[in-house]
Amino acid sequence: MRWSRPSTSLCAFVTLLNDRLGESIVFPLLPFLLASFTSNGRTLGLLAGSYALAQFAFTPLIGALSDRYGRKPVIAACVAGSVLGLGLFAITLSIDWQAIPWAAGSLIPLALLFGGRLIDGVSGGTAATAGAVLADISTPENRAKAFGLIGVAFGLGFILGPAFGGLLAGFSVTLPVWVATGFALMNLVLVLTVLPETHPPEARQAMPRKRDLNPLVALKRVFTNPQVRRLCAAFFLFFLAFNGFTAVLVLYFKQVFNWGPGLATTAFLVVGVVATVVQGGLIGPLVKRFGEYRLTLAGLGFVIVGCLLIPLARADNAAAVVFSAVAILALGTGLVTPSLRALVSRRLGDSGQGAALGSLQGLQSLGSFIGPPLAGFSYDLLGQRSPFWLGIALLMGVASLVAGGLPSSGEGTQNSPT
């Protein structure tokens, strides 16, 4: 194809990397960034969840717009939104609000921070559209290889984000946000100057009905399918639980162990490395050996163990216990997420794959929105360790749903077909 030159793949890769990098730089530093505004878990949880809410609401529309008007204008608009959202976040954090008489003690800074996160979340459809670019320039024979760039970009983002965030925070806690904004700006320039349009006018589609762009409609459809209803509920609850206790994780480290940005971001760096190794190299052989069903339950067991270890850590052994716990958490998550997706896919056979698997992304975003505020309120009202006990209870419910989501004939316990 005339578009399949390296520069096109490079633009898609940088866009995917930017999508993950901005989030993985900012997220581990949120309690430190908010320190001059608030120290409660509720605000942190709502701020962490607002990004996912915006993504959940607007991703279907962004995908439809790219099919109707082309990939380049949609990617450019989304990356510009990322620049605006991150820039607003960085500017708000850099202003000395106490020196402004009419703004000191007001909710204006928090409102601007929420606005920045929402704008960044609305424009978070870049990953799906960049994936569409890779599909446009690939033949069926090399599509899997092209899509491998998505995993590489996401893995690098989860590793480089905490690494750079922790390093730069040693100079200034707001510097990592400015660097993330600069990277998004570089991404925008690259898209505008280098990326060609890969979706020609003759291949474009009309906009779907408004009803079809409602993410709740797609979720309702998947939950009325008895073949995957329990497994989809398990998928939703898993991300609700996991994103809940991880949202307050750094706040817990900061307040209980008196950790600074360096140690806190190192914990997330461990998560990025382990998750990338598991999903990038180990998951295929493990699925062939044990099957998705066993790996899902084993992964849930690992996540529960990791979640249990963190509140049991003491100040004198915090670093060793916490780093071990987050490595176990990452191992478990790296097993659960692809295996549970595969279980849903196998239950559907050849029908309804696209709609149902697309709905899983919506369920993940919805769980990522509800979980952090729920954990934040629990943190403030029931105690600092309560989000971890709540997470363990929810994860046990997930295991029960998965165990009961397959027929007694043992479907899903066999090795995945190669």
Protein backbone atom coordinates (compact mmCIF):
# COMPACT_ATOMS: atom_id res chain seq x y z
CA MET A 1 0.00 0.00 0.00
CA ARG A 2 1.25 3.50 -0.74
CA TRP A 3 0.84 4.59 2.90
CA SER A 4 2.83 1.77 4.47
CA ARG A 5 6.07 3.68 4.82
CA PRO A 6 8.03 3.73 8.09
CA SER A 7 7.03 7.32 8.87
CA THR A 8 3.36 6.32 9.10
CA SER A 9 4.12 3.52 11.55
CA LEU A 10 6.36 5.91 13.48
CA CYS A 11 3.55 8.46 13.83
CA ALA A 12 1.14 5.77 15.02
CA PHE A 13 3.74 4.44 17.47
CA VAL A 14 4.54 7.88 18.93
CA THR A 15 0.81 8.60 19.27
CA LEU A 16 0.26 5.32 21.14
CA LEU A 17 3.29 6.04 23.33
CA ASN A 18 2.03 9.55 24.09
CA ASP A 19 -1.37 8.14 25.06
CA ARG A 20 0.23 5.96 27.77
CA LEU A 21 3.16 8.18 28.69
CA GLY A 22 1.10 11.19 29.73
CA GLU A 23 -1.06 9.06 32.01
CA SER A 24 1.77 6.99 33.50
CA ILE A 25 3.82 10.11 34.29
CA VAL A 26 0.98 11.98 36.00
CA PHE A 27 -0.92 9.21 37.81
CA PRO A 28 1.79 8.06 40.30
CA LEU A 29 2.49 11.68 41.24
CA LEU A 30 -1.10 12.81 41.85
CA PRO A 31 -0.94 12.86 45.69
CA PHE A 32 2.23 14.98 45.55
CA LEU A 33 0.82 17.27 42.87
CA LEU A 34 -2.36 17.81 44.90
CA ALA A 35 -0.57 18.30 48.22
CA SER A 36 -1.04 22.09 48.26
CA PHE A 37 -4.76 21.78 47.43
CA THR A 38 -6.04 18.72 49.31
CA SER A 39 -4.86 15.57 51.04
CA ASN A 40 -8.08 13.56 51.15
CA GLY A 41 -8.76 10.35 49.27
CA ARG A 42 -12.11 11.48 47.89
CA THR A 43 -10.67 14.23 45.74
CA LEU A 44 -7.80 12.03 44.60
CA GLY A 45 -10.19 9.23 43.64
CA LEU A 46 -12.54 11.53 41.76
CA LEU A 47 -9.64 13.16 39.91
CA ALA A 48 -8.19 9.76 39.00
CA GLY A 49 -11.58 8.49 37.84
CA SER A 50 -12.54 11.59 35.83
CA TYR A 51 -10.07 10.70 33.05
CA ALA A 52 -11.64 7.25 32.63
CA LEU A 53 -15.17 8.69 32.67
CA ALA A 54 -14.38 11.06 29.81
CA GLN A 55 -12.72 8.24 27.88
CA PHE A 56 -15.71 5.96 28.41
CA ALA A 57 -18.18 8.58 27.20
CA PHE A 58 -16.33 9.79 24.10
CA THR A 59 -14.29 6.89 22.70
CA PRO A 60 -17.21 5.50 20.57
CA LEU A 61 -17.77 8.95 19.04
CA ILE A 62 -14.08 9.43 18.25
CA GLY A 63 -13.93 6.05 16.52
CA ALA A 64 -17.00 6.88 14.43
CA LEU A 65 -15.55 10.29 13.50
CA SER A 66 -12.34 8.68 12.24
CA ASP A 67 -14.37 6.31 10.03
CA ARG A 68 -16.38 9.25 8.66
CA TYR A 69 -13.81 12.03 8.26
CA GLY A 70 -10.48 10.21 8.18
CA ARG A 71 -7.78 9.27 10.65
CA LYS A 72 -5.48 12.31 10.44
CA PRO A 73 -7.90 15.09 11.47
CA VAL A 74 -9.24 13.01 14.34
CA ILE A 75 -5.79 12.05 15.63
CA ALA A 76 -4.65 15.67 15.29
CA ALA A 77 -7.68 16.93 17.24
CA CYS A 78 -7.20 14.30 19.95
CA VAL A 79 -3.48 15.01 20.39
CA ALA A 80 -4.23 18.74 20.46
CA GLY A 81 -6.73 17.99 23.22
CA SER A 82 -4.03 16.09 25.10
CA VAL A 83 -1.71 19.11 24.80
CA LEU A 84 -4.49 21.39 26.08
CA GLY A 85 -5.48 19.10 28.96
CA LEU A 86 -1.94 18.43 30.15
CA GLY A 87 -0.98 22.08 29.64
CA LEU A 88 -3.93 23.30 31.71
CA PHE A 89 -3.00 20.79 34.42
CA ALA A 90 0.65 21.94 34.42
CA ILE A 91 -0.21 25.67 34.45
CA THR A 92 -2.67 25.23 37.31
CA LEU A 93 -0.07 23.39 39.39
CA SER A 94 2.57 26.02 38.68
CA ILE A 95 0.54 29.04 39.82
CA ASP A 96 0.92 30.30 43.39
CA TRP A 97 -2.79 30.52 44.14
CA GLN A 98 -2.23 31.79 47.67
CA ALA A 99 -0.72 34.95 46.20
CA ILE A 100 -3.96 35.72 44.34
CA PRO A 101 -6.38 37.28 46.86
CA TRP A 102 -9.59 36.42 45.04
CA ALA A 103 -8.51 32.82 44.34
CA ALA A 104 -6.77 31.86 47.61
CA GLY A 105 -8.72 29.15 49.40
CA SER A 106 -11.23 28.80 46.55
CA LEU A 107 -12.16 25.76 44.50
CA ILE A 108 -10.85 27.36 41.29
CA PRO A 109 -7.55 25.41 41.18
CA LEU A 110 -9.30 22.06 41.73
CA ALA A 111 -11.91 22.94 39.09
CA LEU A 112 -9.12 23.67 36.60
CA LEU A 113 -7.32 20.43 37.48
CA PHE A 114 -10.53 18.47 36.90
CA GLY A 115 -11.03 20.36 33.64
CA GLY A 116 -7.54 19.40 32.48
CA ARG A 117 -8.09 15.74 33.31
CA LEU A 118 -11.48 15.68 31.57
CA ILE A 119 -10.10 17.34 28.42
CA ASP A 120 -7.23 14.84 28.37
CA GLY A 121 -9.70 11.98 28.86
CA VAL A 122 -12.05 13.17 26.10
CA SER A 123 -9.11 13.22 23.71
CA GLY A 124 -7.98 9.78 24.87
CA GLY A 125 -9.37 8.13 21.75
CA THR A 126 -5.96 8.42 20.14
CA ALA A 127 -5.11 4.78 20.93
CA ALA A 128 -8.08 3.40 19.01
CA THR A 129 -7.54 5.74 16.04
CA ALA A 130 -3.78 5.06 15.92
CA GLY A 131 -4.65 1.36 15.92
CA ALA A 132 -6.97 2.01 12.98
CA VAL A 133 -4.04 3.64 11.14
CA LEU A 134 -1.99 0.48 11.65
CA ALA A 135 -4.91 -1.59 10.34
CA ASP A 136 -5.20 0.69 7.29
CA ILE A 137 -1.56 0.27 6.28
CA SER A 138 -1.31 -3.47 6.99
CA THR A 139 -2.14 -6.49 4.91
CA PRO A 140 -3.93 -9.41 6.60
CA GLU A 141 -0.64 -11.29 6.62
CA ASN A 142 1.33 -8.69 8.59
CA ARG A 143 -1.48 -7.19 10.66
CA ALA A 144 -0.55 -9.11 13.81
CA LYS A 145 3.02 -7.81 13.52
CA ALA A 146 1.76 -4.24 13.04
CA PHE A 147 -0.55 -4.54 16.03
CA GLY A 148 2.45 -5.70 18.05
CA LEU A 149 3.50 -2.03 18.01
CA ILE A 150 0.51 -1.30 20.26
CA GLY A 151 1.79 -3.65 22.95
CA VAL A 152 5.34 -2.32 22.62
CA ALA A 153 4.18 1.31 22.90
CA PHE A 154 1.96 0.59 25.90
CA GLY A 155 4.71 -1.40 27.62
CA LEU A 156 7.27 1.34 27.06
CA GLY A 157 4.79 3.95 28.27
CA PHE A 158 4.16 2.12 31.52
CA ILE A 159 7.93 1.76 32.08
CA LEU A 160 9.20 5.16 30.91
CA GLY A 161 6.39 7.17 32.52
CA PRO A 162 7.14 6.28 36.17
CA ALA A 163 10.89 6.25 35.48
CA PHE A 164 10.95 9.78 34.03
CA GLY A 165 8.32 10.98 36.48
CA GLY A 166 10.33 9.89 39.51
CA LEU A 167 13.59 11.23 38.09
CA LEU A 168 12.20 14.62 37.10
CA ALA A 169 10.20 15.00 40.32
CA GLY A 170 13.54 15.12 42.13
CA PHE A 171 14.03 18.57 40.57
CA SER A 172 10.43 19.77 40.75
CA VAL A 173 7.21 17.83 41.28
CA THR A 174 5.52 19.76 38.44
CA LEU A 175 8.36 19.25 35.95
CA PRO A 176 7.14 15.77 34.84
CA VAL A 177 3.76 17.27 33.86
CA TRP A 178 5.49 19.93 31.75
CA VAL A 179 7.61 17.22 30.08
CA ALA A 180 4.47 15.18 29.33
CA THR A 181 2.92 18.31 27.80
CA GLY A 182 6.03 18.86 25.68
CA PHE A 183 5.98 15.28 24.43
CA ALA A 184 2.31 15.65 23.47
CA LEU A 185 3.17 18.87 21.61
CA MET A 186 5.96 17.08 19.72
CA ASN A 187 3.47 14.33 18.88
CA LEU A 188 1.05 16.94 17.50
CA VAL A 189 3.73 18.49 15.27
CA LEU A 190 4.66 15.01 13.99
CA VAL A 191 1.04 14.18 13.18
CA LEU A 192 0.44 17.48 11.38
CA THR A 193 3.64 17.38 9.31
CA VAL A 194 4.37 13.69 8.68
CA LEU A 195 1.25 11.52 9.07
CA PRO A 196 -0.61 10.94 5.78
CA GLU A 197 -4.33 10.23 5.58
CA THR A 198 -4.65 6.42 5.53
CA HIS A 199 -8.44 6.20 5.25
CA PRO A 200 -9.39 7.27 1.71
CA PRO A 201 -12.73 8.98 0.97
CA GLU A 202 -14.11 5.97 -0.88
CA ALA A 203 -13.71 3.79 2.23
CA ARG A 204 -15.40 6.17 4.64
CA GLN A 205 -18.68 5.40 6.37
CA ALA A 206 -21.66 7.46 7.39
CA MET A 207 -22.00 8.44 11.03
CA PRO A 208 -23.98 5.86 13.02
CA ARG A 209 -27.20 6.70 14.83
CA LYS A 210 -26.85 8.61 18.10
CA ARG A 211 -28.17 5.57 19.94
CA ASP A 212 -25.30 3.48 18.62
CA LEU A 213 -22.78 6.00 19.98
CA ASN A 214 -24.14 5.67 23.51
CA PRO A 215 -21.60 3.46 25.37
CA LEU A 216 -24.28 2.34 27.82
CA VAL A 217 -26.33 0.82 24.99
CA ALA A 218 -23.41 -1.42 23.99
CA LEU A 219 -22.95 -2.50 27.60
CA LYS A 220 -26.64 -3.30 27.96
CA ARG A 221 -26.40 -5.45 24.83
CA VAL A 222 -23.48 -7.48 26.14
CA PHE A 223 -25.10 -8.05 29.54
CA THR A 224 -28.22 -9.46 27.92
CA ASN A 225 -26.11 -12.19 26.27
CA PRO A 226 -26.24 -15.18 28.64
CA GLN A 227 -23.11 -16.65 27.04
CA VAL A 228 -20.82 -13.93 28.41
CA ARG A 229 -22.87 -12.08 31.02
CA ARG A 230 -21.07 -13.47 34.08
CA LEU A 231 -17.63 -13.16 32.52
CA CYS A 232 -18.28 -9.55 31.50
CA ALA A 233 -19.48 -8.77 35.03
CA ALA A 234 -16.24 -10.32 36.29
CA PHE A 235 -14.22 -8.17 33.87
CA PHE A 236 -15.97 -5.00 35.07
CA LEU A 237 -15.56 -5.81 38.77
CA PHE A 238 -11.92 -6.71 38.31
CA PHE A 239 -11.05 -3.29 36.92
CA LEU A 240 -13.27 -1.58 39.47
CA ALA A 241 -11.36 -3.31 42.29
CA PHE A 242 -7.89 -3.02 40.78
CA ASN A 243 -8.15 0.62 39.73
CA GLY A 244 -9.76 1.41 43.07
CA PHE A 245 -6.98 0.38 45.39
CA THR A 246 -4.22 1.42 42.97
CA ALA A 247 -5.71 4.94 42.87
CA VAL A 248 -5.01 5.42 46.59
CA LEU A 249 -1.78 3.42 46.57
CA VAL A 250 0.62 6.37 46.35
CA LEU A 251 -1.43 8.36 48.88
CA TYR A 252 -1.10 5.38 51.24
CA PHE A 253 2.67 5.20 50.65
CA LYS A 254 2.98 8.95 51.25
CA GLN A 255 0.93 9.12 54.43
CA VAL A 256 1.73 5.77 56.07
CA PHE A 257 5.40 5.27 55.10
CA ASN A 258 6.32 8.91 54.42
CA TRP A 259 7.55 8.01 50.94
CA GLY A 260 8.51 10.71 48.47
CA PRO A 261 7.93 10.75 44.70
CA GLY A 262 11.06 8.67 44.00
CA LEU A 263 10.03 5.55 45.92
CA ALA A 264 6.37 5.88 44.93
CA THR A 265 7.11 6.05 41.20
CA THR A 266 9.61 3.18 41.51
CA ALA A 267 6.75 0.98 42.69
CA PHE A 268 4.87 1.77 39.47
CA LEU A 269 8.04 1.19 37.46
CA VAL A 270 8.17 -2.34 38.89
CA VAL A 271 4.54 -2.81 37.80
CA GLY A 272 5.35 -1.64 34.26
CA VAL A 273 8.36 -3.94 33.88
CA VAL A 274 6.63 -7.06 35.22
CA ALA A 275 3.40 -6.47 33.28
CA THR A 276 5.32 -5.90 30.05
CA VAL A 277 7.34 -9.10 30.49
CA VAL A 278 4.21 -11.14 31.26
CA GLN A 279 2.00 -9.78 28.49
CA GLY A 280 4.82 -9.35 25.98
CA GLY A 281 6.55 -12.72 26.29
CA LEU A 282 5.09 -15.14 28.83
CA ILE A 283 1.34 -15.09 28.26
CA GLY A 284 1.43 -17.04 24.97
CA PRO A 285 3.38 -20.07 26.27
CA LEU A 286 1.46 -20.00 29.56
CA VAL A 287 -1.90 -20.08 27.77
CA LYS A 288 -0.77 -23.02 25.66
CA ARG A 289 0.36 -24.86 28.78
CA PHE A 290 -2.43 -24.08 31.25
CA GLY A 291 -5.37 -22.54 29.34
CA GLU A 292 -7.13 -19.22 29.90
CA TYR A 293 -9.47 -20.45 32.64
CA ARG A 294 -6.73 -21.63 34.99
CA LEU A 295 -4.59 -18.58 34.25
CA THR A 296 -7.49 -16.24 35.07
CA LEU A 297 -8.06 -17.86 38.45
CA ALA A 298 -4.32 -18.05 39.17
CA GLY A 299 -3.93 -14.40 38.21
CA LEU A 300 -6.76 -13.41 40.55
CA GLY A 301 -4.99 -15.32 43.31
CA PHE A 302 -1.79 -13.37 42.69
CA VAL A 303 -3.64 -10.03 42.73
CA ILE A 304 -5.35 -10.94 46.02
CA VAL A 305 -2.00 -11.89 47.58
CA GLY A 306 -0.39 -8.64 46.42
CA CYS A 307 -3.35 -6.62 47.69
CA LEU A 308 -3.10 -8.42 51.05
CA LEU A 309 0.62 -7.80 51.50
CA ILE A 310 0.50 -4.00 51.14
CA PRO A 311 -1.59 -3.19 54.26
CA LEU A 312 0.46 -5.73 56.24
CA ALA A 313 3.75 -3.95 55.49
CA ARG A 314 5.43 -2.05 58.35
CA ALA A 315 7.67 0.99 58.23
CA ASP A 316 10.80 -1.11 58.83
CA ASN A 317 10.13 -3.50 55.93
CA ALA A 318 7.97 -1.29 53.70
CA ALA A 319 10.24 -1.15 50.63
CA ALA A 320 10.87 -4.91 50.42
CA VAL A 321 7.24 -5.86 51.07
CA VAL A 322 5.70 -3.20 48.83
CA PHE A 323 7.97 -3.85 45.85
CA SER A 324 7.31 -7.60 46.17
CA ALA A 325 3.57 -6.94 46.46
CA VAL A 326 3.34 -4.70 43.40
CA ALA A 327 5.37 -7.22 41.37
CA ILE A 328 2.88 -9.92 42.36
CA LEU A 329 0.00 -7.55 41.51
CA ALA A 330 1.49 -6.90 38.07
CA LEU A 331 2.01 -10.60 37.45
CA GLY A 332 -1.59 -11.32 38.35
CA THR A 333 -2.99 -8.49 36.25
CA GLY A 334 -0.83 -9.55 33.30
CA LEU A 335 -2.43 -12.99 33.50
CA VAL A 336 -6.03 -11.97 34.19
CA THR A 337 -6.61 -9.27 31.56
CA PRO A 338 -5.72 -11.17 28.35
CA SER A 339 -7.00 -14.50 29.66
CA LEU A 340 -10.40 -13.13 30.64
CA ARG A 341 -10.72 -11.36 27.29
CA ALA A 342 -9.92 -14.66 25.57
CA LEU A 343 -12.54 -16.51 27.63
CA VAL A 344 -15.20 -14.04 26.47
CA SER A 345 -14.02 -14.41 22.88
CA ARG A 346 -14.16 -18.22 23.01
CA ARG A 347 -17.66 -18.25 24.46
CA LEU A 348 -18.90 -16.16 21.54
CA GLY A 349 -17.47 -18.32 18.78
CA ASP A 350 -17.51 -16.40 15.50
CA SER A 351 -20.57 -14.27 16.18
CA GLY A 352 -20.68 -10.95 17.97
CA GLN A 353 -16.94 -10.75 18.48
CA GLY A 354 -16.42 -7.12 17.54
CA ALA A 355 -19.31 -5.69 19.54
CA ALA A 356 -18.67 -7.73 22.66
CA LEU A 357 -14.89 -7.31 22.74
CA GLY A 358 -15.33 -3.61 22.07
CA SER A 359 -17.70 -3.50 25.03
CA LEU A 360 -14.97 -4.94 27.24
CA GLN A 361 -13.00 -1.74 26.71
CA GLY A 362 -16.07 0.20 27.81
CA LEU A 363 -16.40 -2.00 30.90
CA GLN A 364 -12.73 -1.41 31.69
CA SER A 365 -13.17 2.37 31.42
CA LEU A 366 -16.36 2.29 33.51
CA GLY A 367 -14.66 0.24 36.22
CA SER A 368 -11.69 2.60 36.09
CA PHE A 369 -14.07 5.51 36.71
CA ILE A 370 -16.13 4.01 39.55
CA GLY A 371 -13.29 2.26 41.39
CA PRO A 372 -11.06 5.24 42.35
CA PRO A 373 -13.79 7.43 43.91
CA LEU A 374 -15.18 4.39 45.75
CA ALA A 375 -11.72 3.63 47.14
CA GLY A 376 -11.15 7.29 47.96
CA PHE A 377 -14.33 7.56 50.02
CA SER A 378 -13.47 4.28 51.75
CA TYR A 379 -9.97 5.60 52.52
CA ASP A 380 -11.37 8.73 54.19
CA LEU A 381 -14.37 7.24 55.98
CA LEU A 382 -13.33 3.68 56.90
CA GLY A 383 -9.57 3.96 57.27
CA GLN A 384 -6.40 3.94 55.19
CA ARG A 385 -6.29 0.16 54.81
CA SER A 386 -9.97 -0.27 53.95
CA PRO A 387 -9.58 0.08 50.12
CA PHE A 388 -7.34 -2.99 50.12
CA TRP A 389 -9.80 -5.10 52.14
CA LEU A 390 -12.62 -3.89 49.87
CA GLY A 391 -10.51 -4.79 46.83
CA ILE A 392 -9.88 -8.29 48.15
CA ALA A 393 -13.61 -8.82 48.74
CA LEU A 394 -14.44 -7.69 45.19
CA LEU A 395 -11.69 -9.88 43.70
CA MET A 396 -13.09 -12.91 45.49
CA GLY A 397 -16.42 -12.07 43.89
CA VAL A 398 -14.67 -11.90 40.51
CA ALA A 399 -13.20 -15.38 41.08
CA SER A 400 -16.66 -16.69 41.95
CA LEU A 401 -18.13 -15.21 38.76
CA VAL A 402 -15.36 -16.68 36.61
CA ALA A 403 -15.68 -20.10 38.23
CA GLY A 404 -19.43 -20.05 37.65
CA GLY A 405 -19.23 -18.46 34.22
CA LEU A 406 -18.24 -21.63 32.42
CA PRO A 407 -20.34 -24.75 31.95
CA SER A 408 -19.53 -27.90 33.86
CA SER A 409 -18.30 -29.56 30.67
CA GLY A 410 -15.02 -27.73 31.29
CA GLU A 411 -15.14 -25.21 28.48
CA GLY A 412 -12.24 -22.84 28.81
CA THR A 413 -10.14 -25.23 30.89
CA GLN A 414 -8.53 -26.71 27.84
CA ASN A 415 -5.54 -25.17 26.20
CA SER A 416 -6.25 -22.36 23.83
CA PRO A 417 -6.25 -23.34 20.18
CA THR A 418 -3.11 -22.33 18.36
